[in-house]
């Protein structure tokens, strides 16, 4: 089993930045891939960043150039640096990891508003 806990969400003005963190814990797991997805009210869940075991990253066009995913394997941490935030980035953000199964956390709210 893998437990994931996100932190770092909050209220930010348009154009601002936030850094989300995700702490992974558990035993006996090998992470194949990890990432972040978000879900806004009434909308489908969408992946906003992913990174493979080899370090390859991928972003949808909606956040490319503004969001950066990173990891610290030694600490089992995943990060999402979000810059130049827009109102449409408002959502609950969840981190996920893929081992032999998919695990995700409980999410952290990001609200972009003036």
C-alpha atoms as a PDB file:
ATOM      1  CA  UNK A   1       0.000   0.000   0.000  1.00  0.00           C
ATOM      2  CA  UNK A   2       1.095   3.551  -0.725  1.00  0.00           C
ATOM      3  CA  UNK A   3      -0.191   6.567   1.133  1.00  0.00           C
ATOM      4  CA  UNK A   4      -0.001  10.001  -0.466  1.00  0.00           C
ATOM      5  CA  UNK A   5      -0.489  13.323   1.282  1.00  0.00           C
ATOM      6  CA  UNK A   6      -0.608  16.569  -0.662  1.00  0.00           C
ATOM      7  CA  UNK A   7       0.119  20.016   0.719  1.00  0.00           C
ATOM      8  CA  UNK A   8       0.785  23.536  -0.473  1.00  0.00           C
ATOM      9  CA  UNK A   9      -2.553  24.529  -1.893  1.00  0.00           C
ATOM     10  CA  UNK A  10      -4.266  27.788  -1.117  1.00  0.00           C
ATOM     11  CA  UNK A  11      -5.588  31.042  -2.481  1.00  0.00           C
ATOM     12  CA  UNK A  12      -3.420  32.936  -4.944  1.00  0.00           C
ATOM     13  CA  UNK A  13      -3.991  35.876  -7.248  1.00  0.00           C
ATOM     14  CA  UNK A  14      -3.870  35.470 -11.016  1.00  0.00           C
ATOM     15  CA  UNK A  15      -0.267  35.560 -12.159  1.00  0.00           C
ATOM     16  CA  UNK A  16       0.963  34.181  -8.871  1.00  0.00           C
ATOM     17  CA  UNK A  17       2.768  30.967  -8.017  1.00  0.00           C
ATOM     18  CA  UNK A  18       2.288  27.982  -5.768  1.00  0.00           C
ATOM     19  CA  UNK A  19       4.346  24.911  -5.068  1.00  0.00           C
ATOM     20  CA  UNK A  20       2.505  21.725  -4.250  1.00  0.00           C
ATOM     21  CA  UNK A  21       4.178  18.879  -2.410  1.00  0.00           C
ATOM     22  CA  UNK A  22       3.231  15.232  -2.130  1.00  0.00           C
ATOM     23  CA  UNK A  23       4.683  12.868   0.441  1.00  0.00           C
ATOM     24  CA  UNK A  24       4.574   9.176  -0.382  1.00  0.00           C
ATOM     25  CA  UNK A  25       4.837   6.565   2.329  1.00  0.00           C
ATOM     26  CA  UNK A  26       4.451   2.844   2.598  1.00  0.00           C
ATOM     27  CA  UNK A  27       6.623  -0.171   2.243  1.00  0.00           C
ATOM     28  CA  UNK A  28       7.722  -2.475  -0.473  1.00  0.00           C
ATOM     29  CA  UNK A  29       6.746  -0.365  -3.423  1.00  0.00           C
ATOM     30  CA  UNK A  30       8.583   0.551  -6.572  1.00  0.00           C
ATOM     31  CA  UNK A  31       7.273   3.605  -8.339  1.00  0.00           C
ATOM     32  CA  UNK A  32       7.003   3.356 -12.113  1.00  0.00           C
ATOM     33  CA  UNK A  33       5.474   6.747 -12.733  1.00  0.00           C
ATOM     34  CA  UNK A  34       3.985   9.620 -10.783  1.00  0.00           C
ATOM     35  CA  UNK A  35       2.177  12.821 -11.442  1.00  0.00           C
ATOM     36  CA  UNK A  36      -0.534  15.290 -10.647  1.00  0.00           C
ATOM     37  CA  UNK A  37      -4.065  15.613 -11.835  1.00  0.00           C
ATOM     38  CA  UNK A  38      -6.747  18.140 -11.048  1.00  0.00           C
ATOM     39  CA  UNK A  39     -10.480  18.226 -10.943  1.00  0.00           C
ATOM     40  CA  UNK A  40     -12.642  21.317 -10.994  1.00  0.00           C
ATOM     41  CA  UNK A  41     -16.310  21.254  -9.986  1.00  0.00           C
ATOM     42  CA  UNK A  42     -18.424  19.777 -12.740  1.00  0.00           C
ATOM     43  CA  UNK A  43     -15.419  18.840 -14.830  1.00  0.00           C
ATOM     44  CA  UNK A  44     -13.565  15.639 -15.572  1.00  0.00           C
ATOM     45  CA  UNK A  45     -10.313  14.746 -13.883  1.00  0.00           C
ATOM     46  CA  UNK A  46      -7.329  15.873 -15.976  1.00  0.00           C
ATOM     47  CA  UNK A  47      -3.665  15.023 -15.663  1.00  0.00           C
ATOM     48  CA  UNK A  48      -1.580  18.192 -15.527  1.00  0.00           C
ATOM     49  CA  UNK A  49       1.899  16.720 -15.105  1.00  0.00           C
ATOM     50  CA  UNK A  50       3.558  13.338 -15.136  1.00  0.00           C
ATOM     51  CA  UNK A  51       7.066  11.973 -14.726  1.00  0.00           C
ATOM     52  CA  UNK A  52       8.362   8.497 -15.388  1.00  0.00           C
ATOM     53  CA  UNK A  53      10.937   6.524 -13.465  1.00  0.00           C
ATOM     54  CA  UNK A  54      13.534   7.615 -16.010  1.00  0.00           C
ATOM     55  CA  UNK A  55      12.651  11.257 -15.485  1.00  0.00           C
ATOM     56  CA  UNK A  56      10.710  11.952 -18.650  1.00  0.00           C
ATOM     57  CA  UNK A  57       8.022  14.554 -18.105  1.00  0.00           C
ATOM     58  CA  UNK A  58       4.827  15.356 -19.907  1.00  0.00           C
ATOM     59  CA  UNK A  59       2.346  18.217 -19.685  1.00  0.00           C
ATOM     60  CA  UNK A  60      -0.842  19.129 -21.496  1.00  0.00           C
ATOM     61  CA  UNK A  61      -0.789  22.301 -23.548  1.00  0.00           C
ATOM     62  CA  UNK A  62      -2.948  24.066 -20.976  1.00  0.00           C
ATOM     63  CA  UNK A  63      -0.101  24.151 -18.427  1.00  0.00           C
ATOM     64  CA  UNK A  64       3.019  23.632 -20.540  1.00  0.00           C
ATOM     65  CA  UNK A  65       5.611  26.276 -19.764  1.00  0.00           C
ATOM     66  CA  UNK A  66       3.886  27.215 -16.513  1.00  0.00           C
ATOM     67  CA  UNK A  67       3.921  23.999 -14.457  1.00  0.00           C
ATOM     68  CA  UNK A  68       6.953  21.913 -13.593  1.00  0.00           C
ATOM     69  CA  UNK A  69       6.909  18.500 -11.945  1.00  0.00           C
ATOM     70  CA  UNK A  70       9.885  17.263  -9.980  1.00  0.00           C
ATOM     71  CA  UNK A  71      10.686  14.545  -7.501  1.00  0.00           C
ATOM     72  CA  UNK A  72      13.067  13.662  -4.720  1.00  0.00           C
ATOM     73  CA  UNK A  73      13.327   9.874  -4.692  1.00  0.00           C
ATOM     74  CA  UNK A  74      15.413   9.867  -1.526  1.00  0.00           C
ATOM     75  CA  UNK A  75      12.578  11.566   0.336  1.00  0.00           C
ATOM     76  CA  UNK A  76       9.726   9.975  -1.628  1.00  0.00           C
ATOM     77  CA  UNK A  77       8.491  13.446  -2.481  1.00  0.00           C
ATOM     78  CA  UNK A  78       6.798  14.778  -5.598  1.00  0.00           C
ATOM     79  CA  UNK A  79       6.468  18.470  -6.322  1.00  0.00           C
ATOM     80  CA  UNK A  80       4.474  20.641  -8.695  1.00  0.00           C
ATOM     81  CA  UNK A  81       5.699  24.180  -9.238  1.00  0.00           C
ATOM     82  CA  UNK A  82       2.901  26.271 -10.695  1.00  0.00           C
ATOM     83  CA  UNK A  83       3.701  29.701 -12.108  1.00  0.00           C
ATOM     84  CA  UNK A  84       1.652  32.350 -13.871  1.00  0.00           C
ATOM     85  CA  UNK A  85      -1.507  30.863 -12.432  1.00  0.00           C
ATOM     86  CA  UNK A  86      -4.811  31.555 -14.132  1.00  0.00           C
ATOM     87  CA  UNK A  87      -8.359  31.489 -12.831  1.00  0.00           C
ATOM     88  CA  UNK A  88      -8.996  28.343 -14.855  1.00  0.00           C
ATOM     89  CA  UNK A  89      -6.308  26.562 -12.833  1.00  0.00           C
ATOM     90  CA  UNK A  90      -8.678  26.568  -9.868  1.00  0.00           C
ATOM     91  CA  UNK A  91      -9.290  22.954  -8.875  1.00  0.00           C
ATOM     92  CA  UNK A  92      -8.492  20.263  -6.353  1.00  0.00           C
ATOM     93  CA  UNK A  93      -5.059  18.890  -7.152  1.00  0.00           C
ATOM     94  CA  UNK A  94      -4.189  15.262  -6.479  1.00  0.00           C
ATOM     95  CA  UNK A  95      -0.873  13.512  -6.734  1.00  0.00           C
ATOM     96  CA  UNK A  96      -0.719   9.930  -7.940  1.00  0.00           C
ATOM     97  CA  UNK A  97       1.820   7.159  -8.217  1.00  0.00           C
ATOM     98  CA  UNK A  98       1.807   4.036 -10.304  1.00  0.00           C
ATOM     99  CA  UNK A  99       3.344   0.899  -8.899  1.00  0.00           C
ATOM    100  CA  UNK A 100       1.588  -2.322  -9.770  1.00  0.00           C
ATOM    101  CA  UNK A 101      -1.511  -0.289  -8.987  1.00  0.00           C
ATOM    102  CA  UNK A 102      -2.576   3.323  -9.129  1.00  0.00           C
ATOM    103  CA  UNK A 103      -2.660   5.290  -5.881  1.00  0.00           C
ATOM    104  CA  UNK A 104      -3.709   8.860  -5.288  1.00  0.00           C
ATOM    105  CA  UNK A 105      -3.995  11.256  -2.393  1.00  0.00           C
ATOM    106  CA  UNK A 106      -6.912  13.174  -0.929  1.00  0.00           C
ATOM    107  CA  UNK A 107      -6.062  16.369  -2.750  1.00  0.00           C
ATOM    108  CA  UNK A 108      -5.310  19.979  -1.983  1.00  0.00           C
ATOM    109  CA  UNK A 109      -7.437  22.917  -3.076  1.00  0.00           C
ATOM    110  CA  UNK A 110      -5.937  25.566  -5.331  1.00  0.00           C
ATOM    111  CA  UNK A 111      -7.982  28.704  -5.851  1.00  0.00           C
ATOM    112  CA  UNK A 112      -6.831  31.403  -8.246  1.00  0.00           C
ATOM    113  CA  UNK A 113      -8.807  34.562  -7.661  1.00  0.00           C
ATOM    114  CA  UNK A 114      -8.350  38.248  -7.130  1.00  0.00           C
END
